């Protein structure tokens, strides 16, 4: 029959296409969640890590896999930046409270130190 390949001809299968798409989707979700404080730890990092894994497995020849891997790395970085910022803020607040209480001499001054805890 003209126009059809012989019956023994096998069409080459694309491998890891599903992993590339999964990596891209997880990278997008991870990056969006990675810039939201609180979600970055519970959603951003796990999705980012899975995007890096899936993108790494399906790396060869798939632009979606490469984009997923890059977005996954960015999600992990965004989560790390938020964690550093929050830890730094809490540390600064506690240090200010400690100095205030240390220098206070009356209960009224100690109660005024509570402004550092908000």
PDB file of N, CA and C in Angstrom:
ATOM      1  N   UNK A   1       0.837  -1.177   0.000  1.00  0.00           N
ATOM      2  CA  UNK A   1       0.000   0.000   0.000  1.00  0.00           C
ATOM      3  C   UNK A   1       0.884   1.243   0.000  1.00  0.00           C
ATOM      4  N   UNK A   2       0.658   2.103  -0.891  1.00  0.00           N
ATOM      5  CA  UNK A   2       1.484   3.312  -0.924  1.00  0.00           C
ATOM      6  C   UNK A   2       1.100   4.267   0.209  1.00  0.00           C
ATOM      7  N   UNK A   3       2.115   4.934   0.747  1.00  0.00           N
ATOM      8  CA  UNK A   3       1.891   5.932   1.791  1.00  0.00           C
ATOM      9  C   UNK A   3       1.947   5.388   3.202  1.00  0.00           C
ATOM     10  N   UNK A   4       1.957   4.076   3.370  1.00  0.00           N
ATOM     11  CA  UNK A   4       2.023   3.489   4.698  1.00  0.00           C
ATOM     12  C   UNK A   4       3.363   2.789   4.880  1.00  0.00           C
ATOM     13  N   UNK A   5       3.943   2.859   6.058  1.00  0.00           N
ATOM     14  CA  UNK A   5       5.185   2.119   6.273  1.00  0.00           C
ATOM     15  C   UNK A   5       4.902   0.624   6.327  1.00  0.00           C
ATOM     16  N   UNK A   6       5.917  -0.173   6.062  1.00  0.00           N
ATOM     17  CA  UNK A   6       5.713  -1.620   6.154  1.00  0.00           C
ATOM     18  C   UNK A   6       5.309  -2.000   7.580  1.00  0.00           C
ATOM     19  N   UNK A   7       4.627  -3.117   7.760  1.00  0.00           N
ATOM     20  CA  UNK A   7       4.126  -3.482   9.089  1.00  0.00           C
ATOM     21  C   UNK A   7       5.213  -3.720  10.124  1.00  0.00           C
ATOM     22  N   UNK A   8       6.409  -4.022   9.710  1.00  0.00           N
ATOM     23  CA  UNK A   8       7.492  -4.265  10.674  1.00  0.00           C
ATOM     24  C   UNK A   8       8.168  -2.972  11.105  1.00  0.00           C
ATOM     25  N   UNK A   9       7.771  -1.851  10.535  1.00  0.00           N
ATOM     26  CA  UNK A   9       8.385  -0.563  10.880  1.00  0.00           C
ATOM     27  C   UNK A   9       7.808  -0.072  12.199  1.00  0.00           C
ATOM     28  N   UNK A  10       8.658   0.206  13.154  1.00  0.00           N
ATOM     29  CA  UNK A  10       8.216   0.717  14.449  1.00  0.00           C
ATOM     30  C   UNK A  10       8.485   2.210  14.516  1.00  0.00           C
ATOM     31  N   UNK A  11       7.515   2.929  14.966  1.00  0.00           N
ATOM     32  CA  UNK A  11       7.669   4.367  15.147  1.00  0.00           C
ATOM     33  C   UNK A  11       8.467   4.590  16.422  1.00  0.00           C
ATOM     34  N   UNK A  12       9.542   5.363  16.334  1.00  0.00           N
ATOM     35  CA  UNK A  12      10.324   5.594  17.553  1.00  0.00           C
ATOM     36  C   UNK A  12       9.486   6.310  18.610  1.00  0.00           C
ATOM     37  N   UNK A  13       9.572   5.820  19.808  1.00  0.00           N
ATOM     38  CA  UNK A  13       8.817   6.398  20.913  1.00  0.00           C
ATOM     39  C   UNK A  13       9.632   7.496  21.589  1.00  0.00           C
ATOM     40  N   UNK A  14       8.949   8.545  21.941  1.00  0.00           N
ATOM     41  CA  UNK A  14       9.605   9.598  22.707  1.00  0.00           C
ATOM     42  C   UNK A  14       9.659   9.153  24.158  1.00  0.00           C
ATOM     43  N   UNK A  15      10.822   9.210  24.717  1.00  0.00           N
ATOM     44  CA  UNK A  15      10.989   8.761  26.097  1.00  0.00           C
ATOM     45  C   UNK A  15      11.033   9.951  27.038  1.00  0.00           C
ATOM     46  N   UNK A  16      10.504   9.752  28.209  1.00  0.00           N
ATOM     47  CA  UNK A  16      10.553  10.726  29.305  1.00  0.00           C
ATOM     48  C   UNK A  16       9.756  11.994  29.018  1.00  0.00           C
ATOM     49  N   UNK A  17       8.857  11.968  28.065  1.00  0.00           N
ATOM     50  CA  UNK A  17       8.037  13.146  27.799  1.00  0.00           C
ATOM     51  C   UNK A  17       7.138  13.478  28.973  1.00  0.00           C
ATOM     52  N   UNK A  18       6.601  12.454  29.625  1.00  0.00           N
ATOM     53  CA  UNK A  18       5.750  12.669  30.799  1.00  0.00           C
ATOM     54  C   UNK A  18       6.532  13.262  31.963  1.00  0.00           C
ATOM     55  N   UNK A  19       7.761  12.795  32.130  1.00  0.00           N
ATOM     56  CA  UNK A  19       8.593  13.344  33.198  1.00  0.00           C
ATOM     57  C   UNK A  19       8.958  14.799  32.927  1.00  0.00           C
ATOM     58  N   UNK A  20       9.143  15.130  31.665  1.00  0.00           N
ATOM     59  CA  UNK A  20       9.462  16.520  31.316  1.00  0.00           C
ATOM     60  C   UNK A  20       8.291  17.435  31.648  1.00  0.00           C
ATOM     61  N   UNK A  21       7.096  17.006  31.300  1.00  0.00           N
ATOM     62  CA  UNK A  21       5.897  17.804  31.599  1.00  0.00           C
ATOM     63  C   UNK A  21       5.681  17.887  33.108  1.00  0.00           C
ATOM     64  N   UNK A  22       5.853  16.764  33.800  1.00  0.00           N
ATOM     65  CA  UNK A  22       5.702  16.760  35.254  1.00  0.00           C
ATOM     66  C   UNK A  22       6.721  17.691  35.902  1.00  0.00           C
ATOM     67  N   UNK A  23       7.949  17.674  35.420  1.00  0.00           N
ATOM     68  CA  UNK A  23       8.971  18.570  35.955  1.00  0.00           C
ATOM     69  C   UNK A  23       8.623  20.027  35.728  1.00  0.00           C
ATOM     70  N   UNK A  24       8.092  20.337  34.560  1.00  0.00           N
ATOM     71  CA  UNK A  24       7.700  21.713  34.253  1.00  0.00           C
ATOM     72  C   UNK A  24       6.549  22.166  35.152  1.00  0.00           C
ATOM     73  N   UNK A  25       5.536  21.327  35.282  1.00  0.00           N
ATOM     74  CA  UNK A  25       4.382  21.685  36.117  1.00  0.00           C
ATOM     75  C   UNK A  25       4.798  21.838  37.577  1.00  0.00           C
ATOM     76  N   UNK A  26       5.583  20.898  38.076  1.00  0.00           N
ATOM     77  CA  UNK A  26       6.049  20.986  39.467  1.00  0.00           C
ATOM     78  C   UNK A  26       6.969  22.185  39.662  1.00  0.00           C
ATOM     79  N   UNK A  27       7.763  22.522  38.664  1.00  0.00           N
ATOM     80  CA  UNK A  27       8.616  23.704  38.757  1.00  0.00           C
ATOM     81  C   UNK A  27       7.803  24.982  38.853  1.00  0.00           C
ATOM     82  N   UNK A  28       6.731  25.063  38.060  1.00  0.00           N
ATOM     83  CA  UNK A  28       5.867  26.250  38.116  1.00  0.00           C
ATOM     84  C   UNK A  28       5.176  26.340  39.474  1.00  0.00           C
ATOM     85  N   UNK A  29       4.604  25.233  39.926  1.00  0.00           N
ATOM     86  CA  UNK A  29       3.940  25.227  41.232  1.00  0.00           C
ATOM     87  C   UNK A  29       4.936  25.552  42.338  1.00  0.00           C
ATOM     88  N   UNK A  30       6.115  24.958  42.265  1.00  0.00           N
ATOM     89  CA  UNK A  30       7.130  25.198  43.284  1.00  0.00           C
ATOM     90  C   UNK A  30       7.584  26.643  43.316  1.00  0.00           C
ATOM     91  N   UNK A  31       7.736  27.264  42.157  1.00  0.00           N
ATOM     92  CA  UNK A  31       8.176  28.659  42.128  1.00  0.00           C
ATOM     93  C   UNK A  31       7.096  29.589  42.669  1.00  0.00           C
ATOM     94  N   UNK A  32       5.847  29.346  42.285  1.00  0.00           N
ATOM     95  CA  UNK A  32       4.754  30.178  42.801  1.00  0.00           C
ATOM     96  C   UNK A  32       4.643  30.019  44.312  1.00  0.00           C
ATOM     97  N   UNK A  33       4.687  28.791  44.805  1.00  0.00           N
ATOM     98  CA  UNK A  33       4.607  28.556  46.245  1.00  0.00           C
ATOM     99  C   UNK A  33       5.885  28.994  46.949  1.00  0.00           C
ATOM    100  N   UNK A  34       6.997  29.006  46.232  1.00  0.00           N
ATOM    101  CA  UNK A  34       8.276  29.371  46.839  1.00  0.00           C
ATOM    102  C   UNK A  34       8.390  30.844  47.197  1.00  0.00           C
ATOM    103  N   UNK A  35       7.571  31.676  46.587  1.00  0.00           N
ATOM    104  CA  UNK A  35       7.635  33.105  46.906  1.00  0.00           C
ATOM    105  C   UNK A  35       6.590  33.497  47.947  1.00  0.00           C
ATOM    106  N   UNK A  36       5.825  32.535  48.449  1.00  0.00           N
ATOM    107  CA  UNK A  36       4.824  32.801  49.485  1.00  0.00           C
ATOM    108  C   UNK A  36       5.360  32.254  50.801  1.00  0.00           C
ATOM    109  N   UNK A  37       5.556  33.133  51.795  1.00  0.00           N
ATOM    110  CA  UNK A  37       6.073  32.653  53.081  1.00  0.00           C
ATOM    111  C   UNK A  37       5.151  31.582  53.670  1.00  0.00           C
ATOM    112  N   UNK A  38       5.727  30.576  54.227  1.00  0.00           N
ATOM    113  CA  UNK A  38       4.970  29.479  54.806  1.00  0.00           C
ATOM    114  C   UNK A  38       4.769  28.353  53.808  1.00  0.00           C
ATOM    115  N   UNK A  39       4.260  28.656  52.628  1.00  0.00           N
ATOM    116  CA  UNK A  39       4.093  27.639  51.597  1.00  0.00           C
ATOM    117  C   UNK A  39       5.426  27.203  51.012  1.00  0.00           C
ATOM    118  N   UNK A  40       6.427  28.078  51.112  1.00  0.00           N
ATOM    119  CA  UNK A  40       7.713  27.758  50.495  1.00  0.00           C
ATOM    120  C   UNK A  40       8.330  26.500  51.100  1.00  0.00           C
ATOM    121  N   UNK A  41       8.086  26.235  52.374  1.00  0.00           N
ATOM    122  CA  UNK A  41       8.678  25.057  52.997  1.00  0.00           C
ATOM    123  C   UNK A  41       7.888  23.798  52.714  1.00  0.00           C
ATOM    124  N   UNK A  42       6.559  23.903  52.720  1.00  0.00           N
ATOM    125  CA  UNK A  42       5.731  22.713  52.613  1.00  0.00           C
ATOM    126  C   UNK A  42       5.330  22.375  51.185  1.00  0.00           C
ATOM    127  N   UNK A  43       5.359  23.346  50.284  1.00  0.00           N
ATOM    128  CA  UNK A  43       4.980  23.101  48.897  1.00  0.00           C
ATOM    129  C   UNK A  43       6.137  23.446  47.954  1.00  0.00           C
ATOM    130  N   UNK A  44       6.756  24.598  48.164  1.00  0.00           N
ATOM    131  CA  UNK A  44       7.793  25.079  47.250  1.00  0.00           C
ATOM    132  C   UNK A  44       9.002  24.178  47.173  1.00  0.00           C
ATOM    133  N   UNK A  45       9.547  23.809  48.326  1.00  0.00           N
ATOM    134  CA  UNK A  45      10.743  22.959  48.320  1.00  0.00           C
ATOM    135  C   UNK A  45      10.474  21.559  47.789  1.00  0.00           C
ATOM    136  N   UNK A  46       9.416  20.874  48.251  1.00  0.00           N
ATOM    137  CA  UNK A  46       9.185  19.533  47.695  1.00  0.00           C
ATOM    138  C   UNK A  46       8.913  19.550  46.187  1.00  0.00           C
ATOM    139  N   UNK A  47       8.084  20.495  45.736  1.00  0.00           N
ATOM    140  CA  UNK A  47       7.814  20.576  44.291  1.00  0.00           C
ATOM    141  C   UNK A  47       9.079  20.953  43.528  1.00  0.00           C
ATOM    142  N   UNK A  48       9.871  21.862  44.073  1.00  0.00           N
ATOM    143  CA  UNK A  48      11.120  22.248  43.430  1.00  0.00           C
ATOM    144  C   UNK A  48      12.091  21.084  43.339  1.00  0.00           C
ATOM    145  N   UNK A  49      12.179  20.309  44.415  1.00  0.00           N
ATOM    146  CA  UNK A  49      13.083  19.156  44.416  1.00  0.00           C
ATOM    147  C   UNK A  49      12.628  18.109  43.395  1.00  0.00           C
ATOM    148  N   UNK A  50      11.320  17.851  43.345  1.00  0.00           N
ATOM    149  CA  UNK A  50      10.819  16.880  42.365  1.00  0.00           C
ATOM    150  C   UNK A  50      10.995  17.395  40.940  1.00  0.00           C
ATOM    151  N   UNK A  51      10.831  18.695  40.743  1.00  0.00           N
ATOM    152  CA  UNK A  51      11.047  19.270  39.405  1.00  0.00           C
ATOM    153  C   UNK A  51      12.495  19.101  38.978  1.00  0.00           C
ATOM    154  N   UNK A  52      13.418  19.281  39.903  1.00  0.00           N
ATOM    155  CA  UNK A  52      14.836  19.095  39.585  1.00  0.00           C
ATOM    156  C   UNK A  52      15.109  17.627  39.242  1.00  0.00           C
ATOM    157  N   UNK A  53      14.528  16.722  40.003  1.00  0.00           N
ATOM    158  CA  UNK A  53      14.741  15.290  39.745  1.00  0.00           C
ATOM    159  C   UNK A  53      14.156  14.894  38.389  1.00  0.00           C
ATOM    160  N   UNK A  54      12.887  15.245  38.154  1.00  0.00           N
ATOM    161  CA  UNK A  54      12.244  14.873  36.894  1.00  0.00           C
ATOM    162  C   UNK A  54      12.904  15.564  35.704  1.00  0.00           C
ATOM    163  N   UNK A  55      13.253  16.833  35.885  1.00  0.00           N
ATOM    164  CA  UNK A  55      13.935  17.547  34.808  1.00  0.00           C
ATOM    165  C   UNK A  55      15.297  16.956  34.496  1.00  0.00           C
ATOM    166  N   UNK A  56      15.987  16.495  35.540  1.00  0.00           N
ATOM    167  CA  UNK A  56      17.290  15.865  35.335  1.00  0.00           C
ATOM    168  C   UNK A  56      17.185  14.535  34.617  1.00  0.00           C
ATOM    169  N   UNK A  57      16.144  13.761  34.944  1.00  0.00           N
ATOM    170  CA  UNK A  57      15.963  12.462  34.287  1.00  0.00           C
ATOM    171  C   UNK A  57      15.617  12.651  32.811  1.00  0.00           C
ATOM    172  N   UNK A  58      14.734  13.619  32.520  1.00  0.00           N
ATOM    173  CA  UNK A  58      14.259  13.824  31.146  1.00  0.00           C
ATOM    174  C   UNK A  58      15.026  14.925  30.428  1.00  0.00           C
ATOM    175  N   UNK A  59      16.213  15.229  30.857  1.00  0.00           N
ATOM    176  CA  UNK A  59      16.983  16.382  30.374  1.00  0.00           C
ATOM    177  C   UNK A  59      17.241  16.343  28.872  1.00  0.00           C
ATOM    178  N   UNK A  60      17.624  15.222  28.348  1.00  0.00           N
ATOM    179  CA  UNK A  60      18.134  15.147  26.981  1.00  0.00           C
ATOM    180  C   UNK A  60      17.035  15.424  25.941  1.00  0.00           C
ATOM    181  N   UNK A  61      17.179  16.535  25.263  1.00  0.00           N
ATOM    182  CA  UNK A  61      16.307  16.838  24.151  1.00  0.00           C
ATOM    183  C   UNK A  61      14.943  17.408  24.480  1.00  0.00           C
ATOM    184  N   UNK A  62      14.673  17.705  25.720  1.00  0.00           N
ATOM    185  CA  UNK A  62      13.359  18.207  26.101  1.00  0.00           C
ATOM    186  C   UNK A  62      13.488  19.599  26.694  1.00  0.00           C
ATOM    187  N   UNK A  63      12.959  20.575  26.007  1.00  0.00           N
ATOM    188  CA  UNK A  63      12.981  21.952  26.520  1.00  0.00           C
ATOM    189  C   UNK A  63      12.132  22.063  27.777  1.00  0.00           C
ATOM    190  N   UNK A  64      11.044  21.297  27.845  1.00  0.00           N
ATOM    191  CA  UNK A  64      10.186  21.323  29.029  1.00  0.00           C
ATOM    192  C   UNK A  64      10.945  20.819  30.251  1.00  0.00           C
ATOM    193  N   UNK A  65      11.761  19.808  30.064  1.00  0.00           N
ATOM    194  CA  UNK A  65      12.546  19.268  31.175  1.00  0.00           C
ATOM    195  C   UNK A  65      13.562  20.292  31.663  1.00  0.00           C
ATOM    196  N   UNK A  66      14.195  20.976  30.729  1.00  0.00           N
ATOM    197  CA  UNK A  66      15.176  21.990  31.105  1.00  0.00           C
ATOM    198  C   UNK A  66      14.503  23.146  31.834  1.00  0.00           C
ATOM    199  N   UNK A  67      13.334  23.560  31.343  1.00  0.00           N
ATOM    200  CA  UNK A  67      12.596  24.638  32.011  1.00  0.00           C
ATOM    201  C   UNK A  67      12.146  24.193  33.394  1.00  0.00           C
ATOM    202  N   UNK A  68      11.686  22.957  33.534  1.00  0.00           N
ATOM    203  CA  UNK A  68      11.283  22.432  34.837  1.00  0.00           C
ATOM    204  C   UNK A  68      12.430  22.380  35.808  1.00  0.00           C
ATOM    205  N   UNK A  69      13.595  21.962  35.335  1.00  0.00           N
ATOM    206  CA  UNK A  69      14.768  21.906  36.203  1.00  0.00           C
ATOM    207  C   UNK A  69      15.159  23.303  36.673  1.00  0.00           C
ATOM    208  N   UNK A  70      15.154  24.259  35.761  1.00  0.00           N
ATOM    209  CA  UNK A  70      15.519  25.639  36.124  1.00  0.00           C
ATOM    210  C   UNK A  70      14.501  26.218  37.100  1.00  0.00           C
ATOM    211  N   UNK A  71      13.215  26.020  36.832  1.00  0.00           N
ATOM    212  CA  UNK A  71      12.178  26.520  37.738  1.00  0.00           C
ATOM    213  C   UNK A  71      12.261  25.841  39.098  1.00  0.00           C
ATOM    214  N   UNK A  72      12.604  24.554  39.107  1.00  0.00           N
ATOM    215  CA  UNK A  72      12.769  23.847  40.378  1.00  0.00           C
ATOM    216  C   UNK A  72      13.904  24.422  41.209  1.00  0.00           C
ATOM    217  N   UNK A  73      15.007  24.721  40.551  1.00  0.00           N
ATOM    218  CA  UNK A  73      16.137  25.341  41.261  1.00  0.00           C
ATOM    219  C   UNK A  73      15.741  26.713  41.792  1.00  0.00           C
ATOM    220  N   UNK A  74      15.018  27.484  40.982  1.00  0.00           N
ATOM    221  CA  UNK A  74      14.563  28.800  41.435  1.00  0.00           C
ATOM    222  C   UNK A  74      13.590  28.683  42.601  1.00  0.00           C
ATOM    223  N   UNK A  75      12.743  27.663  42.613  1.00  0.00           N
ATOM    224  CA  UNK A  75      11.815  27.449  43.727  1.00  0.00           C
ATOM    225  C   UNK A  75      12.578  27.143  45.011  1.00  0.00           C
ATOM    226  N   UNK A  76      13.597  26.332  44.907  1.00  0.00           N
ATOM    227  CA  UNK A  76      14.406  26.006  46.091  1.00  0.00           C
ATOM    228  C   UNK A  76      15.135  27.251  46.591  1.00  0.00           C
ATOM    229  N   UNK A  77      15.667  28.038  45.684  1.00  0.00           N
ATOM    230  CA  UNK A  77      16.354  29.271  46.075  1.00  0.00           C
ATOM    231  C   UNK A  77      15.382  30.250  46.717  1.00  0.00           C
ATOM    232  N   UNK A  78      14.178  30.395  46.134  1.00  0.00           N
ATOM    233  CA  UNK A  78      13.183  31.315  46.702  1.00  0.00           C
ATOM    234  C   UNK A  78      12.801  30.889  48.113  1.00  0.00           C
ATOM    235  N   UNK A  79      12.622  29.598  48.330  1.00  0.00           N
ATOM    236  CA  UNK A  79      12.318  29.105  49.675  1.00  0.00           C
ATOM    237  C   UNK A  79      13.446  29.375  50.652  1.00  0.00           C
ATOM    238  N   UNK A  80      14.680  29.213  50.198  1.00  0.00           N
ATOM    239  CA  UNK A  80      15.832  29.476  51.062  1.00  0.00           C
ATOM    240  C   UNK A  80      15.929  30.955  51.412  1.00  0.00           C
ATOM    241  N   UNK A  81      15.634  31.821  50.455  1.00  0.00           N
ATOM    242  CA  UNK A  81      15.670  33.267  50.718  1.00  0.00           C
ATOM    243  C   UNK A  81      14.613  33.636  51.748  1.00  0.00           C
ATOM    244  N   UNK A  82      13.384  33.101  51.595  1.00  0.00           N
ATOM    245  CA  UNK A  82      12.341  33.388  52.582  1.00  0.00           C
ATOM    246  C   UNK A  82      12.725  32.862  53.952  1.00  0.00           C
ATOM    247  N   UNK A  83      13.287  31.669  54.009  1.00  0.00           N
ATOM    248  CA  UNK A  83      13.673  31.120  55.305  1.00  0.00           C
ATOM    249  C   UNK A  83      14.731  31.994  55.959  1.00  0.00           C
ATOM    250  N   UNK A  84      15.720  32.427  55.184  1.00  0.00           N
ATOM    251  CA  UNK A  84      16.750  33.301  55.736  1.00  0.00           C
ATOM    252  C   UNK A  84      16.138  34.610  56.219  1.00  0.00           C
ATOM    253  N   UNK A  85      15.229  35.191  55.438  1.00  0.00           N
ATOM    254  CA  UNK A  85      14.618  36.469  55.807  1.00  0.00           C
ATOM    255  C   UNK A  85      13.795  36.340  57.086  1.00  0.00           C
ATOM    256  N   UNK A  86      13.029  35.280  57.216  1.00  0.00           N
ATOM    257  CA  UNK A  86      12.194  35.099  58.404  1.00  0.00           C
ATOM    258  C   UNK A  86      13.045  34.830  59.630  1.00  0.00           C
ATOM    259  N   UNK A  87      14.045  33.983  59.497  1.00  0.00           N
ATOM    260  CA  UNK A  87      14.933  33.698  60.634  1.00  0.00           C
ATOM    261  C   UNK A  87      15.674  34.965  61.055  1.00  0.00           C
ATOM    262  N   UNK A  88      16.117  35.742  60.092  1.00  0.00           N
ATOM    263  CA  UNK A  88      16.807  36.998  60.408  1.00  0.00           C
ATOM    264  C   UNK A  88      15.873  37.962  61.132  1.00  0.00           C
ATOM    265  N   UNK A  89      14.632  38.073  60.675  1.00  0.00           N
ATOM    266  CA  UNK A  89      13.672  38.972  61.302  1.00  0.00           C
ATOM    267  C   UNK A  89      13.376  38.551  62.739  1.00  0.00           C
ATOM    268  N   UNK A  90      13.127  37.265  62.953  1.00  0.00           N
ATOM    269  CA  UNK A  90      12.837  36.771  64.304  1.00  0.00           C
ATOM    270  C   UNK A  90      14.042  36.969  65.212  1.00  0.00           C
ATOM    271  N   UNK A  91      15.220  36.712  64.704  1.00  0.00           N
ATOM    272  CA  UNK A  91      16.434  36.899  65.498  1.00  0.00           C
ATOM    273  C   UNK A  91      16.617  38.357  65.897  1.00  0.00           C
ATOM    274  N   UNK A  92      16.368  39.262  64.974  1.00  0.00           N
ATOM    275  CA  UNK A  92      16.484  40.695  65.269  1.00  0.00           C
ATOM    276  C   UNK A  92      15.481  41.105  66.332  1.00  0.00           C
ATOM    277  N   UNK A  93      14.247  40.607  66.218  1.00  0.00           N
ATOM    278  CA  UNK A  93      13.218  40.946  67.197  1.00  0.00           C
ATOM    279  C   UNK A  93      13.595  40.431  68.585  1.00  0.00           C
ATOM    280  N   UNK A  94      14.064  39.212  68.662  1.00  0.00           N
ATOM    281  CA  UNK A  94      14.433  38.648  69.974  1.00  0.00           C
ATOM    282  C   UNK A  94      15.641  39.349  70.578  1.00  0.00           C
ATOM    283  N   UNK A  95      16.602  39.728  69.764  1.00  0.00           N
ATOM    284  CA  UNK A  95      17.757  40.457  70.273  1.00  0.00           C
ATOM    285  C   UNK A  95      17.349  41.823  70.810  1.00  0.00           C
ATOM    286  N   UNK A  96      16.440  42.507  70.112  1.00  0.00           N
ATOM    287  CA  UNK A  96      15.946  43.799  70.595  1.00  0.00           C
ATOM    288  C   UNK A  96      15.196  43.652  71.899  1.00  0.00           C
ATOM    289  N   UNK A  97      14.373  42.617  72.013  1.00  0.00           N
ATOM    290  CA  UNK A  97      13.632  42.371  73.256  1.00  0.00           C
ATOM    291  C   UNK A  97      14.600  42.083  74.400  1.00  0.00           C
ATOM    292  N   UNK A  98      15.607  41.266  74.143  1.00  0.00           N
ATOM    293  CA  UNK A  98      16.575  40.908  75.185  1.00  0.00           C
ATOM    294  C   UNK A  98      17.323  42.142  75.680  1.00  0.00           C
ATOM    295  N   UNK A  99      17.754  43.009  74.759  1.00  0.00           N
ATOM    296  CA  UNK A  99      18.449  44.242  75.170  1.00  0.00           C
ATOM    297  C   UNK A  99      17.541  45.154  75.963  1.00  0.00           C
ATOM    298  N   UNK A 100      16.273  45.251  75.530  1.00  0.00           N
ATOM    299  CA  UNK A 100      15.321  46.123  76.214  1.00  0.00           C
ATOM    300  C   UNK A 100      15.085  45.637  77.640  1.00  0.00           C
ATOM    301  N   UNK A 101      14.843  44.354  77.801  1.00  0.00           N
ATOM    302  CA  UNK A 101      14.584  43.804  79.135  1.00  0.00           C
ATOM    303  C   UNK A 101      15.824  43.923  80.012  1.00  0.00           C
ATOM    304  N   UNK A 102      16.985  43.727  79.436  1.00  0.00           N
ATOM    305  CA  UNK A 102      18.232  43.808  80.202  1.00  0.00           C
ATOM    306  C   UNK A 102      18.456  45.221  80.747  1.00  0.00           C
ATOM    307  N   UNK A 103      18.085  46.233  79.980  1.00  0.00           N
ATOM    308  CA  UNK A 103      18.291  47.620  80.400  1.00  0.00           C
ATOM    309  C   UNK A 103      17.134  48.184  81.199  1.00  0.00           C
ATOM    310  N   UNK A 104      16.015  47.461  81.288  1.00  0.00           N
ATOM    311  CA  UNK A 104      14.845  47.963  82.013  1.00  0.00           C
ATOM    312  C   UNK A 104      15.056  47.813  83.521  1.00  0.00           C
ATOM    313  N   UNK A 105      14.523  48.782  84.248  1.00  0.00           N
ATOM    314  CA  UNK A 105      14.654  48.740  85.714  1.00  0.00           C
ATOM    315  C   UNK A 105      13.312  48.610  86.408  1.00  0.00           C
ATOM    316  N   UNK A 106      12.214  48.908  85.735  1.00  0.00           N
ATOM    317  CA  UNK A 106      10.890  48.803  86.360  1.00  0.00           C
ATOM    318  C   UNK A 106      10.013  47.869  85.529  1.00  0.00           C
ATOM    319  N   UNK A 107       8.928  47.422  86.152  1.00  0.00           N
ATOM    320  CA  UNK A 107       7.987  46.547  85.444  1.00  0.00           C
ATOM    321  C   UNK A 107       7.343  47.264  84.271  1.00  0.00           C
ATOM    322  N   UNK A 108       7.129  48.573  84.401  1.00  0.00           N
ATOM    323  CA  UNK A 108       6.536  49.333  83.310  1.00  0.00           C
ATOM    324  C   UNK A 108       7.480  49.347  82.107  1.00  0.00           C
ATOM    325  N   UNK A 109       8.762  49.488  82.350  1.00  0.00           N
ATOM    326  CA  UNK A 109       9.725  49.466  81.249  1.00  0.00           C
ATOM    327  C   UNK A 109       9.800  48.062  80.625  1.00  0.00           C
ATOM    328  N   UNK A 110       9.715  47.039  81.465  1.00  0.00           N
ATOM    329  CA  UNK A 110       9.736  45.666  80.937  1.00  0.00           C
ATOM    330  C   UNK A 110       8.506  45.418  80.075  1.00  0.00           C
ATOM    331  N   UNK A 111       7.337  45.892  80.500  1.00  0.00           N
ATOM    332  CA  UNK A 111       6.123  45.739  79.692  1.00  0.00           C
ATOM    333  C   UNK A 111       6.238  46.505  78.384  1.00  0.00           C
ATOM    334  N   UNK A 112       6.950  47.616  78.392  1.00  0.00           N
ATOM    335  CA  UNK A 112       7.142  48.385  77.166  1.00  0.00           C
ATOM    336  C   UNK A 112       8.021  47.620  76.164  1.00  0.00           C
ATOM    337  N   UNK A 113       8.793  46.692  76.644  1.00  0.00           N
ATOM    338  CA  UNK A 113       9.664  45.904  75.759  1.00  0.00           C
ATOM    339  C   UNK A 113       8.865  44.941  74.880  1.00  0.00           C
ATOM    340  N   UNK A 114       7.612  44.701  75.218  1.00  0.00           N
ATOM    341  CA  UNK A 114       6.808  43.759  74.427  1.00  0.00           C
ATOM    342  C   UNK A 114       6.610  44.217  72.998  1.00  0.00           C
ATOM    343  N   UNK A 115       6.888  45.463  72.697  1.00  0.00           N
ATOM    344  CA  UNK A 115       6.744  45.948  71.325  1.00  0.00           C
ATOM    345  C   UNK A 115       7.700  45.214  70.376  1.00  0.00           C
ATOM    346  N   UNK A 116       8.775  44.656  70.913  1.00  0.00           N
ATOM    347  CA  UNK A 116       9.715  43.912  70.069  1.00  0.00           C
ATOM    348  C   UNK A 116       9.190  42.536  69.688  1.00  0.00           C
ATOM    349  N   UNK A 117       8.193  42.069  70.378  1.00  0.00           N
ATOM    350  CA  UNK A 117       7.690  40.723  70.131  1.00  0.00           C
ATOM    351  C   UNK A 117       6.551  40.696  69.120  1.00  0.00           C
ATOM    352  N   UNK A 118       6.236  41.821  68.513  1.00  0.00           N
ATOM    353  CA  UNK A 118       5.117  41.875  67.552  1.00  0.00           C
ATOM    354  C   UNK A 118       5.613  41.948  66.150  1.00  0.00           C
TER     355      UNK A 118
END
